Amino acid sequence: MYKLLLRPLFFLFDPEKIHHFTFSLIKITSKIPGFSALFRSIYVVEDKKLERNLLGLTFKNPVGLAAGFDKNAVLYNELANFGFGFIEIGTVTPKGQAGNPKKRLFRLKEDQGIINRMGFNNEGLEAAIKQLKKNKGKVIIGGNIGKNTSTKPEDYTRDYLECFNALHPYVDYFVLNVSCPNVSSHAKLNDKDYLEELISAVQTANKTFEKQKPILLKIAPDLNDNQLDEIVELVKETRLDGVIASNTSTNRSSLKASEELLKEIGNGGLSGQPIKDKSTRVIKYLSDKSQKSFPIIGVGGIHSANDALEKIEAGADLVQIYTGFIYEGPSLVKKINQALLKR
């Protein structure tokens, strides 16, 4: 029904406007008596065989929703009814910010991809916490955190620590987003020495809490082998809990979209099918190089159950979807879980 009726209709309109419309639609329908139960009966696959014990957490299933969809933690309770094993909110920054100027979200229909340059648009830390206090405990929640665009380089760590300390009671794990290509002044965040400093600071803060939370690093799909070697070394040296591979890509090679269209769109991070193989390569490289010494969450171009299985066979312990959720609809979560049970 989604691909036949809803998607063609949604794709007639501006992607960002449809995103907000879809949020409202899910919110409203979920308030109608019986609809949440109906969604669960259609999309949720419950089986002990799907459970994954990772990062000190028990995931009902290994299929999650990637950060960027529910930036402000306003829909995670309702989205849990679509069968996700975990949902990552954010990216959250200390202060609310508008992000980059619109238009900033573009579909590449032929490629089944999306280009975005949202720029960490979100309502800020206080707004996210207000929403997270409404958590009904249906699903594991990850907190993806970043810095404000206006923050000076010497204060980057302060931004991450502010988010980490404030969100700590409300999320189950953390993701340090240092690889988003849509935010200015990110060069420092890709420097290994600075990453060591940042991770150390967050880990020190983590130890001040009675119950420590897992901390993961989200990396780009465009890293070369030497850079990936550095990531493996970084995880080992800092005893980081895991890696999310991968974020969006700045590479535009092998796309079906015309040069004219790409030039018209301009800068931004590419997600969806065009980065599927790239992210899978990163997962496999990290898994092989580290001899499976740390957990990996695989994300990038998962539009089918087979795509998810590829990520898992490459070394991913869990997977996340985003662009695939937009192109394929909520049934994708169910299809992946059903495929996992047939393995």
Protein backbone atom coordinates (compact mmCIF):
# COMPACT_ATOMS: atom_id res chain seq x y z
CA MET A 1 0.00 0.00 0.00
CA TYR A 2 2.78 2.45 0.91
CA LYS A 3 4.77 2.07 -2.33
CA LEU A 4 1.66 1.90 -4.52
CA LEU A 5 -0.40 4.71 -3.02
CA LEU A 6 1.32 6.82 -0.37
CA ARG A 7 4.85 7.14 -1.74
CA PRO A 8 3.81 8.40 -5.22
CA LEU A 9 1.60 10.98 -3.51
CA PHE A 10 4.24 12.03 -0.97
CA PHE A 11 6.90 12.32 -3.66
CA LEU A 12 4.85 14.96 -5.46
CA PHE A 13 5.67 17.43 -2.70
CA ASP A 14 8.73 19.06 -1.14
CA PRO A 15 10.62 16.43 0.91
CA GLU A 16 10.96 18.52 4.07
CA LYS A 17 7.30 19.55 4.06
CA ILE A 18 6.25 15.92 3.58
CA HIS A 19 8.52 14.90 6.45
CA HIS A 20 6.66 17.23 8.80
CA PHE A 21 3.29 16.19 7.36
CA THR A 22 4.12 12.51 7.89
CA PHE A 23 5.09 13.23 11.49
CA SER A 24 1.73 14.89 12.09
CA LEU A 25 -0.09 12.04 10.35
CA ILE A 26 1.59 9.36 12.48
CA LYS A 27 1.02 11.41 15.65
CA ILE A 28 -2.68 11.95 14.94
CA THR A 29 -3.48 8.40 13.80
CA SER A 30 -1.65 6.95 16.82
CA LYS A 31 -4.00 8.87 19.11
CA ILE A 32 -7.07 7.22 17.57
CA PRO A 33 -8.12 4.34 19.86
CA GLY A 34 -6.92 1.01 18.50
CA PHE A 35 -4.56 2.38 15.85
CA SER A 36 -1.33 1.89 17.82
CA ALA A 37 -2.34 -1.71 18.48
CA LEU A 38 -3.18 -2.11 14.78
CA PHE A 39 0.24 -0.82 13.73
CA ARG A 40 1.92 -3.22 16.16
CA SER A 41 -0.10 -6.16 14.88
CA ILE A 42 0.93 -5.36 11.29
CA TYR A 43 4.60 -4.46 11.71
CA VAL A 44 6.00 -5.86 14.97
CA VAL A 45 7.77 -9.23 14.80
CA GLU A 46 8.31 -10.68 18.26
CA ASP A 47 10.65 -13.62 18.66
CA LYS A 48 13.37 -14.33 21.22
CA LYS A 49 15.65 -15.36 18.34
CA LEU A 50 15.73 -11.73 17.21
CA GLU A 51 17.05 -10.47 20.54
CA ARG A 52 20.57 -9.09 20.60
CA ASN A 53 22.57 -8.55 23.79
CA LEU A 54 25.02 -5.79 22.97
CA LEU A 55 26.55 -2.79 24.71
CA GLY A 56 25.09 -4.07 27.98
CA LEU A 57 21.60 -3.68 26.50
CA THR A 58 18.99 -6.17 25.29
CA PHE A 59 17.61 -5.17 21.89
CA LYS A 60 14.26 -6.83 21.00
CA ASN A 61 15.53 -7.01 17.43
CA PRO A 62 18.58 -5.66 15.56
CA VAL A 63 16.76 -3.17 13.30
CA GLY A 64 16.90 0.47 14.34
CA LEU A 65 15.92 3.88 13.03
CA ALA A 66 18.94 6.08 12.34
CA ALA A 67 19.41 9.59 13.70
CA GLY A 68 18.01 12.47 11.69
CA PHE A 69 14.47 11.20 11.36
CA ASP A 70 13.23 12.03 14.86
CA LYS A 71 15.61 14.89 15.59
CA ASN A 72 13.68 16.33 18.52
CA ALA A 73 12.46 13.08 20.11
CA VAL A 74 8.82 13.88 19.38
CA LEU A 75 7.75 10.62 17.70
CA TYR A 76 9.82 7.76 19.14
CA ASN A 77 6.90 6.29 21.15
CA GLU A 78 4.74 6.15 18.03
CA LEU A 79 7.58 4.94 15.77
CA ALA A 80 8.18 2.04 18.17
CA ASN A 81 4.85 0.63 16.94
CA PHE A 82 6.45 0.01 13.52
CA GLY A 83 8.67 -2.75 14.89
CA PHE A 84 12.01 -1.04 15.51
CA GLY A 85 14.36 -2.61 18.03
CA PHE A 86 15.88 0.79 18.81
CA ILE A 87 15.48 4.42 17.78
CA GLU A 88 18.21 7.06 17.68
CA ILE A 89 17.09 10.62 18.31
CA GLY A 90 18.99 13.77 17.29
CA THR A 91 21.40 15.07 16.34
CA VAL A 92 20.81 17.19 19.46
CA THR A 93 22.87 20.32 20.08
CA PRO A 94 22.93 22.38 23.30
CA LYS A 95 20.99 25.27 21.83
CA GLY A 96 18.23 25.07 19.26
CA GLN A 97 19.27 26.14 15.78
CA ALA A 98 17.54 26.60 12.44
CA GLY A 99 20.15 24.74 10.40
CA ASN A 100 21.08 25.63 6.85
CA PRO A 101 18.88 27.76 4.57
CA LYS A 102 16.08 25.96 2.73
CA LYS A 103 15.79 24.25 0.26
CA ARG A 104 18.08 21.64 1.83
CA LEU A 105 16.55 18.21 1.30
CA PHE A 106 16.45 16.57 -2.16
CA ARG A 107 15.32 13.23 -3.56
CA LEU A 108 17.31 11.36 -6.20
CA LYS A 109 14.45 9.13 -7.31
CA GLU A 110 16.34 7.25 -10.01
CA ASP A 111 19.11 6.43 -7.56
CA GLN A 112 16.79 5.80 -4.60
CA GLY A 113 18.85 8.28 -2.66
CA ILE A 114 18.57 11.54 -0.77
CA ILE A 115 20.89 14.52 -0.55
CA ASN A 116 20.55 16.69 2.53
CA ARG A 117 22.34 19.66 4.00
CA MET A 118 20.04 20.17 6.98
CA GLY A 119 22.85 21.48 9.22
CA PHE A 120 21.86 19.99 12.59
CA ASN A 121 18.51 21.77 12.67
CA ASN A 122 16.90 20.93 16.02
CA GLU A 123 15.07 22.54 18.91
CA GLY A 124 17.93 22.04 21.35
CA LEU A 125 18.67 20.13 24.50
CA GLU A 126 15.83 21.33 26.73
CA ALA A 127 13.18 20.54 24.11
CA ALA A 128 14.57 17.03 23.60
CA ILE A 129 14.59 16.31 27.34
CA LYS A 130 11.00 17.52 27.67
CA GLN A 131 9.98 14.96 25.05
CA LEU A 132 12.15 12.16 26.47
CA LYS A 133 10.41 12.51 29.82
CA LYS A 134 7.35 11.09 28.02
CA ASN A 135 9.19 7.83 27.27
CA LYS A 136 6.83 4.86 27.65
CA GLY A 137 9.69 2.37 27.63
CA LYS A 138 8.66 0.65 24.40
CA VAL A 139 12.05 0.78 22.73
CA ILE A 140 15.76 1.42 23.35
CA ILE A 141 16.65 5.07 22.73
CA GLY A 142 20.00 6.31 21.45
CA GLY A 143 21.09 9.91 21.84
CA ASN A 144 23.02 11.34 18.90
CA ILE A 145 24.82 14.50 20.03
CA GLY A 146 26.73 17.28 18.29
CA LYS A 147 27.95 20.84 18.57
CA ASN A 148 26.20 24.08 17.70
CA THR A 149 27.27 25.60 14.39
CA SER A 150 28.20 28.89 16.07
CA THR A 151 30.43 27.22 18.69
CA LYS A 152 34.11 28.12 18.52
CA PRO A 153 36.61 25.26 18.04
CA GLU A 154 37.99 25.63 21.56
CA ASP A 155 34.47 25.04 22.93
CA TYR A 156 33.46 21.97 20.87
CA THR A 157 34.07 19.59 23.76
CA ARG A 158 31.97 21.77 26.06
CA ASP A 159 28.98 21.37 23.70
CA TYR A 160 29.30 17.59 23.59
CA LEU A 161 29.66 17.40 27.38
CA GLU A 162 26.63 19.63 27.93
CA CYS A 163 24.49 17.32 25.78
CA PHE A 164 25.98 14.19 27.30
CA ASN A 165 25.44 15.19 30.92
CA ALA A 166 21.92 16.50 30.38
CA LEU A 167 20.70 13.57 28.25
CA HIS A 168 22.38 10.86 30.34
CA PRO A 169 19.31 9.98 32.46
CA TYR A 170 17.05 9.77 29.41
CA VAL A 171 18.83 7.70 26.73
CA ASP A 172 20.26 4.18 26.66
CA TYR A 173 23.38 4.87 24.60
CA PHE A 174 25.21 7.82 23.06
CA VAL A 175 26.57 8.58 19.60
CA LEU A 176 29.22 11.25 19.06
CA ASN A 177 28.37 12.70 15.66
CA VAL A 178 31.68 13.99 14.33
CA SER A 179 31.25 13.07 10.66
CA CYS A 180 28.26 15.03 9.37
CA PRO A 181 29.26 16.81 6.13
CA ASN A 182 26.47 19.36 6.44
CA VAL A 183 27.83 21.43 9.30
CA SER A 184 30.59 24.00 8.90
CA SER A 185 33.88 23.90 10.85
CA HIS A 186 33.96 20.12 11.19
CA ALA A 187 37.61 19.71 10.19
CA LYS A 188 38.79 19.61 13.79
CA LEU A 189 36.32 16.83 14.57
CA ASN A 190 38.07 14.54 12.09
CA ASP A 191 41.46 15.03 13.72
CA LYS A 192 42.56 11.93 15.63
CA ASP A 193 44.21 13.88 18.43
CA TYR A 194 41.07 15.91 19.00
CA LEU A 195 38.87 12.80 18.88
CA GLU A 196 41.01 11.26 21.62
CA GLU A 197 40.51 14.40 23.68
CA LEU A 198 36.76 14.46 23.07
CA ILE A 199 36.22 10.76 23.79
CA SER A 200 38.34 10.96 26.94
CA ALA A 201 36.35 13.95 28.22
CA VAL A 202 33.00 12.23 27.59
CA GLN A 203 34.19 9.00 29.18
CA THR A 204 35.36 10.90 32.26
CA ALA A 205 31.92 12.48 32.52
CA ASN A 206 30.34 9.04 32.08
CA LYS A 207 32.16 7.76 35.17
CA THR A 208 30.49 10.39 37.35
CA PHE A 209 27.14 8.64 36.86
CA GLU A 210 26.09 5.61 38.89
CA LYS A 211 25.17 3.75 35.71
CA GLN A 212 27.48 4.37 32.77
CA LYS A 213 26.06 4.50 29.22
CA PRO A 214 27.67 3.05 26.07
CA ILE A 215 29.39 5.60 23.80
CA LEU A 216 29.75 5.09 20.05
CA LEU A 217 31.40 7.09 17.29
CA LYS A 218 29.63 7.73 13.96
CA ILE A 219 32.05 7.77 11.04
CA ALA A 220 31.91 8.76 7.37
CA PRO A 221 31.72 6.24 4.50
CA ASP A 222 34.39 8.10 2.52
CA LEU A 223 37.33 7.19 4.77
CA ASN A 224 40.29 5.46 3.14
CA ASP A 225 42.04 2.40 4.58
CA ASN A 226 44.62 4.46 6.47
CA GLN A 227 41.88 6.52 8.09
CA LEU A 228 39.95 3.36 8.97
CA ASP A 229 43.12 1.95 10.54
CA GLU A 230 43.21 5.08 12.69
CA ILE A 231 39.59 4.46 13.74
CA VAL A 232 40.43 0.89 14.80
CA GLU A 233 43.42 2.19 16.74
CA LEU A 234 41.33 4.98 18.28
CA VAL A 235 38.65 2.56 19.49
CA LYS A 236 41.31 0.31 21.01
CA GLU A 237 43.22 3.15 22.69
CA THR A 238 40.16 4.92 24.12
CA ARG A 239 38.15 1.74 24.83
CA LEU A 240 35.22 3.24 22.96
CA ASP A 241 32.13 1.02 23.06
CA GLY A 242 31.54 0.83 19.31
CA VAL A 243 31.21 2.46 15.90
CA ILE A 244 28.30 3.40 13.64
CA ALA A 245 29.22 2.97 9.98
CA SER A 246 28.30 5.08 8.30
CA ASN A 247 27.12 8.66 7.96
CA THR A 248 26.25 10.29 4.62
CA SER A 249 28.74 10.67 1.77
CA THR A 250 30.03 13.69 -0.12
CA ASN A 251 30.98 11.54 -3.13
CA ARG A 252 28.80 11.84 -6.24
CA SER A 253 30.32 9.12 -8.45
CA SER A 254 28.24 6.52 -10.34
CA LEU A 255 24.92 8.30 -9.88
CA LYS A 256 22.13 8.10 -12.45
CA ALA A 257 21.10 11.66 -11.66
CA SER A 258 22.28 14.16 -14.27
CA GLU A 259 25.20 16.50 -13.72
CA GLU A 260 22.77 19.39 -14.20
CA LEU A 261 20.53 18.16 -11.37
CA LEU A 262 23.46 17.54 -9.05
CA LYS A 263 24.85 20.99 -9.78
CA GLU A 264 21.44 22.51 -9.10
CA ILE A 265 21.20 20.66 -5.77
CA GLY A 266 24.71 21.60 -4.67
CA ASN A 267 26.45 20.47 -1.49
CA GLY A 268 25.10 17.94 0.96
CA GLY A 269 25.38 14.43 2.33
CA LEU A 270 24.25 11.58 0.10
CA SER A 271 22.31 8.68 1.64
CA GLY A 272 20.39 5.66 0.40
CA GLN A 273 21.20 3.04 -2.21
CA PRO A 274 24.15 4.91 -3.78
CA ILE A 275 26.21 4.48 -0.58
CA LYS A 276 25.17 0.89 0.18
CA ASP A 277 28.36 -0.80 -1.02
CA LYS A 278 30.57 1.94 0.38
CA SER A 279 29.20 1.59 3.90
CA THR A 280 29.30 -2.21 3.69
CA ARG A 281 32.98 -2.02 2.71
CA VAL A 282 33.71 0.16 5.74
CA ILE A 283 31.89 -2.30 8.02
CA LYS A 284 33.80 -5.28 6.65
CA TYR A 285 37.14 -3.49 6.84
CA LEU A 286 36.60 -2.45 10.46
CA SER A 287 35.32 -5.89 11.43
CA ASP A 288 38.20 -7.76 9.78
CA LYS A 289 40.92 -5.34 10.85
CA SER A 290 39.79 -5.32 14.48
CA GLN A 291 39.00 -9.05 14.51
CA LYS A 292 35.47 -8.23 15.67
CA SER A 293 36.83 -6.60 18.82
CA PHE A 294 34.08 -3.95 19.05
CA PRO A 295 30.39 -3.67 18.11
CA ILE A 296 29.44 -2.11 14.77
CA ILE A 297 26.04 -0.67 13.84
CA GLY A 298 25.65 -0.79 10.07
CA VAL A 299 23.74 1.92 8.25
CA GLY A 300 23.69 3.16 4.66
CA GLY A 301 21.61 2.05 1.69
CA ILE A 302 19.46 -0.60 3.39
CA HIS A 303 16.38 -0.80 1.17
CA SER A 304 15.67 -4.54 1.45
CA ALA A 305 16.10 -7.51 3.75
CA ASN A 306 19.04 -8.65 1.61
CA ASP A 307 20.74 -5.28 2.05
CA ALA A 308 20.47 -5.68 5.83
CA LEU A 309 21.77 -9.25 5.71
CA GLU A 310 24.77 -8.04 3.67
CA LYS A 311 25.63 -5.56 6.41
CA ILE A 312 25.34 -8.24 9.09
CA GLU A 313 27.43 -10.73 7.11
CA ALA A 314 30.06 -8.00 6.65
CA GLY A 315 30.32 -7.66 10.42
CA ALA A 316 27.49 -5.41 11.64
CA ASP A 317 25.90 -6.45 14.93
CA LEU A 318 22.89 -4.18 14.47
CA VAL A 319 21.56 -2.20 11.50
CA GLN A 320 19.77 1.10 11.08
CA ILE A 321 17.55 2.42 8.30
CA TYR A 322 16.52 5.93 7.28
CA THR A 323 16.38 6.58 3.53
CA GLY A 324 15.18 3.00 3.00
CA PHE A 325 12.34 3.71 5.43
CA ILE A 326 11.31 6.67 3.26
CA TYR A 327 11.51 4.76 -0.03
CA GLU A 328 10.20 1.36 1.12
CA GLY A 329 7.89 2.25 4.00
CA PRO A 330 7.47 0.72 7.46
CA SER A 331 7.10 -2.84 6.12
CA LEU A 332 10.89 -2.83 5.56
CA VAL A 333 11.49 -3.34 9.30
CA LYS A 334 9.22 -6.38 9.34
CA LYS A 335 10.79 -7.84 6.19
CA ILE A 336 14.29 -7.58 7.66
CA ASN A 337 13.25 -9.23 10.92
CA GLN A 338 11.42 -12.01 9.07
CA ALA A 339 14.48 -12.62 6.89
CA LEU A 340 16.68 -12.83 10.00
CA LEU A 341 14.41 -15.51 11.45
CA LYS A 342 14.76 -17.57 8.25
CA ARG A 343 18.57 -17.54 8.31
